[in-house]
C-alpha cells in the first residue's frame, strides 16, 4: 500500500482535499492519513464534518500565531516529527497557505514525493496576496506533481520552465466539493443553522438586495479594510441593501469592526460550509477577496466583485458578471453588477478533478 500524507491547515484546504481524501480512503491501494496543522483549527474541523471526515493527526499551529515566522518554525519542527513517525511515500499539499509551504518543505528535506493540488496560480506580485503568492511559487519549485485548475495555470508553470511531464490539467478540486454540497442542498437537505435560514428570509423581505461580504486578507488589514466597510455601509443605507458578513476570526478584523458603526452590515460568526453555500445561492451579489469564492461563484451564477488589486483567477474576469474593484469604485460596481443578469460559467472543470488526480497518481506510483 502507498502511504499518503495530506497536510492541511485552513478551511479552504479542508474543503478542497475532501473529495480526493475520500477517494483515497475508498481505494485499497492507498493508506491515506490526514494531518491538520491547526492553523485555523475550528473552521477546519467544521468543514471536514460537512464531508463526514476528520483529521487523523492534529497539530497546534494556532498557539504560535504571533508571527508568520514563529508559526513557520513550529510547523516545520512538528511536521518533521510526523514524517519520522509515519514515513509516507507521498505528501499532498493544497494551495498556498503556510501549512502547504511547510508541508512542501518537509517533503523536500526528506526526499519524499510531493503533489501540489491547485498548482500554477500567479499574480506576479509577491506582496499580493501576501504571503500566498510567494508560498505557491516556492511550493511549485519543490513539487513532483503539479495539478493545475486551469489552462492559465498550466501556461504559468510552462512559462517558468518547470518540467512539462510533471504538469497536469485536472480542474479545481474545490468545484468537486462545491457540486457535492450543491447536490445535497438541491435534494432538500436543510441548512445546519436554521436560525441563519430564517435570518436570510427576513433580510430579503426587508431589503431591496441581499449582498454577501467576505474580507480577510492581510494586505487590506487596517485603514483600507475600514474604508471599504464605511463605503459599503453608506451604499447599503442609501439603497436599502442588506449585507451579511461572516467574520473571519483574525483578531485584526475584529479590532477594526469595533471602531465602526455598522447598521446595514450584519456581522455573523463563520459558517459551516454547507450553510455558506446556501447563503451564496441566496445572495444577489457577492463582494469578496477570497480565492475560493472566485471559483465557486461562477458555478452558482452569483455576480461577484473581487476586492483585490490582482487576482490569480483571471478566468472569471472575461465575464460581465465579475469585476475587480476597490472601495473608490465600490458604489458604481455594485450598481452595475446588480443590473447584470446572473450567468453560470464553468472555467475550472466539471467536478471530476479529484478523480483525475487519483488516476494520475495511481498510474505514476503503480505502473503496470
Protein backbone atom coordinates (compact mmCIF):
# COMPACT_ATOMS: atom_id res chain seq x y z
CA UNK A 1 0.00 0.00 0.00
CA UNK A 2 1.09 3.55 -0.71
CA UNK A 3 1.06 5.73 2.40
CA UNK A 4 -0.17 9.23 1.54
CA UNK A 5 0.09 12.13 3.97
CA UNK A 6 -2.25 15.03 3.14
CA UNK A 7 -1.38 18.18 5.07
CA UNK A 8 -4.00 20.88 5.60
CA UNK A 9 -4.38 23.83 7.95
CA UNK A 10 -7.29 26.03 6.86
CA UNK A 11 -10.93 25.63 5.96
CA UNK A 12 -10.39 26.14 2.19
CA UNK A 13 -7.72 23.44 2.22
CA UNK A 14 -10.04 21.05 4.05
CA UNK A 15 -12.80 21.67 1.51
CA UNK A 16 -10.52 21.28 -1.49
CA UNK A 17 -8.93 17.98 -0.42
CA UNK A 18 -12.13 16.42 0.96
CA UNK A 19 -13.28 14.54 -2.15
CA UNK A 20 -9.73 13.45 -3.02
CA UNK A 21 -9.18 12.13 0.52
CA UNK A 22 -12.48 10.23 0.39
CA UNK A 23 -11.41 8.62 -2.90
CA UNK A 24 -8.07 7.62 -1.38
CA UNK A 25 -9.88 6.08 1.60
CA UNK A 26 -12.02 4.01 -0.77
CA UNK A 27 -9.04 2.74 -2.77
CA UNK A 28 -7.34 -0.30 -1.20
CA UNK A 29 -4.05 0.57 -2.89
CA UNK A 30 -3.64 3.58 -0.58
CA UNK A 31 -3.20 4.21 3.12
CA UNK A 32 -4.23 7.90 3.43
CA UNK A 33 -3.51 9.94 6.55
CA UNK A 34 -5.00 13.40 7.02
CA UNK A 35 -2.90 15.88 9.02
CA UNK A 36 -4.35 19.13 10.35
CA UNK A 37 -1.74 21.68 11.36
CA UNK A 38 -4.28 23.62 13.43
CA UNK A 39 -3.65 26.85 11.52
CA UNK A 40 -7.43 27.54 11.61
CA UNK A 41 -8.47 24.56 13.68
CA UNK A 42 -12.14 25.25 14.50
CA UNK A 43 -13.06 26.30 10.95
CA UNK A 44 -11.21 23.30 9.52
CA UNK A 45 -12.95 20.79 11.80
CA UNK A 46 -16.36 22.17 10.86
CA UNK A 47 -15.53 21.96 7.15
CA UNK A 48 -14.43 18.34 7.41
CA UNK A 49 -17.68 17.46 9.20
CA UNK A 50 -19.63 18.54 6.11
CA UNK A 51 -17.86 15.72 4.25
CA UNK A 52 -18.01 13.23 7.14
CA UNK A 53 -14.25 13.39 7.60
CA UNK A 54 -11.89 14.13 10.49
CA UNK A 55 -8.14 14.59 10.77
CA UNK A 56 -6.02 11.63 11.85
CA UNK A 57 -3.30 13.87 13.31
CA UNK A 58 -3.81 17.39 14.69
CA UNK A 59 -1.11 19.94 15.50
CA UNK A 60 -1.46 23.27 17.35
CA UNK A 61 -0.23 25.97 14.96
CA UNK A 62 -2.79 28.49 16.20
CA UNK A 63 -0.92 28.66 19.53
CA UNK A 64 2.06 30.08 17.62
CA UNK A 65 0.15 32.73 15.68
CA UNK A 66 2.11 35.77 16.94
CA UNK A 67 4.01 35.92 13.65
CA UNK A 68 4.38 34.01 10.41
CA UNK A 69 7.97 33.22 11.33
CA UNK A 70 7.04 31.68 14.69
CA UNK A 71 4.27 29.61 13.17
CA UNK A 72 6.57 28.54 10.33
CA UNK A 73 9.22 27.37 12.79
CA UNK A 74 6.68 25.43 14.83
CA UNK A 75 5.18 23.72 11.79
CA UNK A 76 8.50 22.61 10.32
CA UNK A 77 9.53 21.07 13.63
CA UNK A 78 6.21 19.32 14.30
CA UNK A 79 5.71 18.11 10.74
CA UNK A 80 9.19 16.59 10.81
CA UNK A 81 8.09 14.55 13.85
CA UNK A 82 5.05 13.39 11.90
CA UNK A 83 7.25 12.38 8.96
CA UNK A 84 9.60 10.46 11.26
CA UNK A 85 6.67 8.56 12.74
CA UNK A 86 4.64 7.94 9.58
CA UNK A 87 7.33 7.59 6.84
CA UNK A 88 4.94 8.39 3.96
CA UNK A 89 5.56 7.59 0.29
CA UNK A 90 3.80 10.75 -0.90
CA UNK A 91 2.84 14.11 0.60
CA UNK A 92 -0.08 16.12 -0.78
CA UNK A 93 -0.49 19.84 -0.12
CA UNK A 94 -3.18 22.15 -1.44
CA UNK A 95 -2.99 25.79 -2.43
CA UNK A 96 -0.72 28.41 -0.94
CA UNK A 97 -1.03 28.60 2.83
CA UNK A 98 1.76 28.45 5.39
CA UNK A 99 0.69 24.87 6.13
CA UNK A 100 1.10 23.97 2.46
CA UNK A 101 4.50 25.65 2.29
CA UNK A 102 5.78 23.83 5.38
CA UNK A 103 4.39 20.54 4.10
CA UNK A 104 6.26 21.07 0.84
CA UNK A 105 9.48 21.89 2.67
CA UNK A 106 9.44 18.80 4.88
CA UNK A 107 8.70 16.67 1.80
CA UNK A 108 11.77 18.15 0.10
CA UNK A 109 14.04 17.83 3.14
CA UNK A 110 13.09 14.15 3.47
CA UNK A 111 13.18 13.38 -0.29
CA UNK A 112 9.50 12.40 -0.31
CA UNK A 113 7.46 12.85 -3.48
CA UNK A 114 5.26 15.95 -3.34
CA UNK A 115 1.91 16.58 -5.07
CA UNK A 116 0.67 20.16 -5.27
CA UNK A 117 -3.08 20.48 -5.73
CA UNK A 118 -4.09 23.82 -7.31
CA UNK A 119 -0.63 24.46 -8.75
CA UNK A 120 0.31 27.31 -11.06
CA UNK A 121 -1.76 30.22 -9.75
CA UNK A 122 0.06 33.53 -10.12
CA UNK A 123 -0.49 37.27 -9.79
CA UNK A 124 3.15 38.19 -10.46
CA UNK A 125 3.21 40.39 -7.34
CA UNK A 126 4.98 38.87 -4.34
CA UNK A 127 3.03 41.18 -2.00
CA UNK A 128 -0.40 40.38 -3.36
CA UNK A 129 -1.76 38.21 -1.97
CA UNK A 130 0.70 38.15 0.92
CA UNK A 131 2.25 35.72 1.75
CA UNK A 132 0.35 33.34 -0.52
CA UNK A 133 1.86 34.40 -3.85
CA UNK A 134 5.41 33.65 -2.71
CA UNK A 135 4.31 30.48 -0.91
CA UNK A 136 2.88 28.94 -4.07
CA UNK A 137 5.93 29.83 -6.15
CA UNK A 138 8.14 28.01 -3.63
CA UNK A 139 5.78 25.02 -3.46
CA UNK A 140 5.73 24.64 -7.24
CA UNK A 141 9.53 24.63 -7.33
CA UNK A 142 9.52 21.66 -4.95
CA UNK A 143 6.57 19.65 -6.31
CA UNK A 144 6.88 16.42 -8.31
CA UNK A 145 3.24 16.58 -9.44
CA UNK A 146 1.59 19.86 -10.40
CA UNK A 147 -2.21 19.51 -10.52
CA UNK A 148 -3.47 22.65 -12.26
CA UNK A 149 -7.03 24.00 -12.06
CA UNK A 150 -6.99 25.84 -15.42
CA UNK A 151 -5.22 26.29 -18.75
CA UNK A 152 -3.77 29.57 -17.49
CA UNK A 153 -2.20 27.80 -14.50
CA UNK A 154 -0.65 25.24 -16.85
CA UNK A 155 0.74 28.04 -19.01
CA UNK A 156 2.19 29.83 -15.98
CA UNK A 157 4.21 26.78 -14.99
CA UNK A 158 5.41 26.07 -18.51
CA UNK A 159 6.46 29.71 -18.89
CA UNK A 160 8.52 29.33 -15.70
CA UNK A 161 10.35 26.38 -17.22
CA UNK A 162 9.04 23.60 -14.98
CA UNK A 163 9.21 20.02 -16.22
CA UNK A 164 6.19 19.67 -18.51
CA UNK A 165 5.84 15.97 -17.68
CA UNK A 166 5.01 16.97 -14.09
CA UNK A 167 2.22 19.38 -15.11
CA UNK A 168 -1.37 18.11 -15.38
CA UNK A 169 -4.60 19.96 -16.17
CA UNK A 170 -7.13 18.48 -13.74
CA UNK A 171 -9.65 21.22 -12.99
CA UNK A 172 -10.22 22.54 -9.49
CA UNK A 173 -10.92 20.14 -6.61
CA UNK A 174 -12.90 22.91 -4.93
CA UNK A 175 -15.51 22.52 -7.65
CA UNK A 176 -15.78 18.81 -6.81
CA UNK A 177 -16.64 19.79 -3.23
CA UNK A 178 -18.98 22.59 -4.29
CA UNK A 179 -21.03 20.38 -6.62
CA UNK A 180 -21.18 17.68 -3.94
CA UNK A 181 -22.68 20.13 -1.43
CA UNK A 182 -24.88 21.84 -4.05
CA UNK A 183 -26.44 18.49 -4.88
CA UNK A 184 -27.25 17.95 -1.18
CA UNK A 185 -28.91 21.37 -1.00
CA UNK A 186 -30.95 20.71 -4.15
CA UNK A 187 -32.11 17.39 -2.71
CA UNK A 188 -33.68 19.32 0.15
CA UNK A 189 -31.11 18.83 2.88
CA UNK A 190 -31.66 21.75 5.28
CA UNK A 191 -29.03 24.18 6.47
CA UNK A 192 -27.22 23.17 9.62
CA UNK A 193 -28.10 26.58 11.10
CA UNK A 194 -31.87 27.03 10.79
CA UNK A 195 -31.60 30.40 12.52
CA UNK A 196 -29.46 31.60 9.61
CA UNK A 197 -32.07 30.37 7.13
CA UNK A 198 -34.75 32.38 8.94
CA UNK A 199 -32.49 35.44 9.11
CA UNK A 200 -31.80 35.30 5.36
CA UNK A 201 -35.53 35.17 4.64
CA UNK A 202 -36.19 38.10 6.98
CA UNK A 203 -33.45 40.28 5.48
CA UNK A 204 -34.60 39.53 1.94
CA UNK A 205 -38.14 40.58 2.81
CA UNK A 206 -36.94 43.86 4.38
CA UNK A 207 -34.29 44.87 1.81
CA UNK A 208 -34.00 45.60 -1.88
CA UNK A 209 -31.00 43.30 -2.33
CA UNK A 210 -29.04 40.79 -0.26
CA UNK A 211 -25.24 41.07 -0.51
CA UNK A 212 -22.74 38.56 0.85
CA UNK A 213 -19.44 40.05 2.03
CA UNK A 214 -16.18 38.26 2.85
CA UNK A 215 -12.93 40.14 3.53
CA UNK A 216 -9.92 38.76 5.37
CA UNK A 217 -6.59 39.09 3.51
CA UNK A 218 -3.61 40.56 5.36
CA UNK A 219 -2.86 43.16 2.70
CA UNK A 220 -6.13 45.03 3.44
CA UNK A 221 -5.97 44.93 7.24
CA UNK A 222 -6.28 48.28 8.99
CA UNK A 223 -7.25 51.54 7.29
CA UNK A 224 -8.08 50.09 3.87
CA UNK A 225 -10.35 47.46 5.42
CA UNK A 226 -12.17 50.10 7.46
CA UNK A 227 -12.65 52.36 4.43
CA UNK A 228 -14.21 49.51 2.45
CA UNK A 229 -16.68 48.82 5.24
CA UNK A 230 -17.55 52.52 5.59
CA UNK A 231 -18.22 52.80 1.85
CA UNK A 232 -20.32 49.66 1.83
CA UNK A 233 -22.32 50.87 4.84
CA UNK A 234 -23.09 54.17 3.06
CA UNK A 235 -24.16 52.46 -0.16
CA UNK A 236 -26.31 49.95 1.68
CA UNK A 237 -28.02 52.63 3.74
CA UNK A 238 -28.80 54.72 0.66
CA UNK A 239 -30.15 51.83 -1.43
CA UNK A 240 -31.61 49.70 1.39
CA UNK A 241 -29.30 46.75 0.80
CA UNK A 242 -28.71 44.13 3.48
CA UNK A 243 -25.13 42.90 3.76
CA UNK A 244 -24.30 39.65 5.56
CA UNK A 245 -20.69 39.35 6.66
CA UNK A 246 -19.42 36.05 8.16
CA UNK A 247 -16.42 37.46 10.01
CA UNK A 248 -13.08 35.70 9.69
CA UNK A 249 -11.60 35.05 13.17
CA UNK A 250 -8.40 37.07 12.65
CA UNK A 251 -8.16 39.48 15.63
CA UNK A 252 -7.11 42.43 13.45
CA UNK A 253 -10.50 42.37 11.72
CA UNK A 254 -12.44 42.34 14.98
CA UNK A 255 -10.37 45.29 16.21
CA UNK A 256 -11.38 47.35 13.16
CA UNK A 257 -15.03 46.29 13.33
CA UNK A 258 -15.25 47.54 16.91
CA UNK A 259 -14.33 51.06 15.73
CA UNK A 260 -17.21 51.33 13.25
CA UNK A 261 -20.95 51.87 13.38
CA UNK A 262 -22.48 49.33 11.01
CA UNK A 263 -26.26 49.09 10.76
CA UNK A 264 -26.66 47.60 7.29
CA UNK A 265 -23.71 45.22 7.54
CA UNK A 266 -24.84 42.25 9.61
CA UNK A 267 -21.84 40.58 11.25
CA UNK A 268 -22.25 36.85 11.88
CA UNK A 269 -19.83 34.10 13.00
CA UNK A 270 -18.09 31.90 10.43
CA UNK A 271 -20.44 29.37 8.86
CA UNK A 272 -20.36 25.67 8.18
CA UNK A 273 -19.52 25.08 4.52
CA UNK A 274 -22.99 23.78 3.62
CA UNK A 275 -24.55 26.87 5.22
CA UNK A 276 -22.13 29.17 3.43
CA UNK A 277 -23.00 27.65 0.05
CA UNK A 278 -26.67 28.09 0.89
CA UNK A 279 -26.01 31.75 1.70
CA UNK A 280 -24.14 32.23 -1.59
CA UNK A 281 -27.06 30.77 -3.53
CA UNK A 282 -29.45 33.12 -1.70
CA UNK A 283 -27.40 36.26 -2.40
CA UNK A 284 -27.95 38.79 -5.19
CA UNK A 285 -24.29 39.80 -5.17
CA UNK A 286 -21.02 38.72 -3.55
CA UNK A 287 -18.21 41.09 -2.55
CA UNK A 288 -15.06 39.17 -1.64
CA UNK A 289 -11.29 38.92 -1.52
CA UNK A 290 -11.48 35.12 -1.18
CA UNK A 291 -9.83 32.92 -3.77
CA UNK A 292 -12.22 30.04 -3.26
CA UNK A 293 -15.32 32.18 -3.71
CA UNK A 294 -13.93 33.44 -7.02
CA UNK A 295 -14.02 29.79 -8.11
CA UNK A 296 -17.38 28.88 -6.59
CA UNK A 297 -19.49 31.91 -7.56
CA UNK A 298 -19.28 31.30 -11.34
CA UNK A 299 -20.71 27.79 -10.89
CA UNK A 300 -23.56 29.14 -8.76
CA UNK A 301 -24.27 32.01 -11.14
CA UNK A 302 -23.88 34.73 -8.49
CA UNK A 303 -22.41 38.05 -9.69
CA UNK A 304 -19.21 38.91 -7.84
CA UNK A 305 -16.98 41.90 -7.06
CA UNK A 306 -13.39 40.88 -6.34
CA UNK A 307 -11.81 43.22 -3.79
CA UNK A 308 -8.26 42.63 -4.94
CA UNK A 309 -5.70 44.67 -6.90
CA UNK A 310 -4.61 41.46 -8.62
CA UNK A 311 -6.26 38.08 -8.94
CA UNK A 312 -4.66 34.76 -9.79
CA UNK A 313 -8.06 33.59 -11.07
CA UNK A 314 -8.32 35.87 -14.08
CA UNK A 315 -10.54 33.41 -15.98
CA UNK A 316 -13.68 34.83 -14.39
CA UNK A 317 -12.94 38.42 -15.42
CA UNK A 318 -13.80 37.66 -19.04
CA UNK A 319 -17.46 37.62 -18.00
CA UNK A 320 -19.54 40.77 -17.39
CA UNK A 321 -20.73 39.15 -14.16
CA UNK A 322 -17.38 39.59 -12.38
CA UNK A 323 -15.16 42.59 -11.80
CA UNK A 324 -12.18 43.72 -9.76
CA UNK A 325 -12.77 46.73 -7.58
CA UNK A 326 -11.58 48.91 -4.74
CA UNK A 327 -13.56 51.00 -2.30
CA UNK A 328 -13.17 54.04 -4.59
CA UNK A 329 -15.35 52.32 -7.22
CA UNK A 330 -17.45 50.14 -4.97
CA UNK A 331 -20.74 52.03 -5.26
CA UNK A 332 -20.61 52.06 -9.06
CA UNK A 333 -19.54 48.41 -9.26
CA UNK A 334 -22.40 47.31 -7.01
CA UNK A 335 -24.92 49.22 -9.09
CA UNK A 336 -23.52 47.85 -12.35
CA UNK A 337 -23.38 44.20 -11.34
CA UNK A 338 -26.80 44.18 -9.72
CA UNK A 339 -28.17 45.11 -13.14
CA UNK A 340 -26.39 42.19 -14.84
CA UNK A 341 -28.43 39.02 -15.28
CA UNK A 342 -26.82 36.12 -13.36
CA UNK A 343 -24.91 33.71 -15.57
CA UNK A 344 -23.32 30.34 -14.82
CA UNK A 345 -19.82 29.86 -16.22
CA UNK A 346 -17.56 26.81 -15.69
CA UNK A 347 -13.88 27.75 -16.06
CA UNK A 348 -12.46 25.21 -13.59
CA UNK A 349 -13.64 21.82 -14.79
CA UNK A 350 -16.75 19.74 -14.32
CA UNK A 351 -16.26 18.40 -10.81
CA UNK A 352 -14.03 15.42 -11.63
CA UNK A 353 -10.64 16.92 -10.65
CA UNK A 354 -10.14 14.64 -7.64
CA UNK A 355 -10.82 11.51 -9.70
CA UNK A 356 -8.40 12.75 -12.35
CA UNK A 357 -5.69 13.34 -9.71
CA UNK A 358 -6.19 9.84 -8.27
CA UNK A 359 -5.85 8.30 -11.73
CA UNK A 360 -2.62 10.22 -12.43
CA UNK A 361 -1.08 9.26 -9.09
CA UNK A 362 -2.05 5.59 -9.47
CA UNK A 363 -0.59 5.41 -12.97
CA UNK A 364 2.64 7.04 -11.82
CA UNK A 365 3.11 5.31 -8.47
CA UNK A 366 1.86 1.89 -9.57
CA UNK A 367 2.93 1.46 -13.17
CA UNK A 368 1.65 -1.71 -14.80
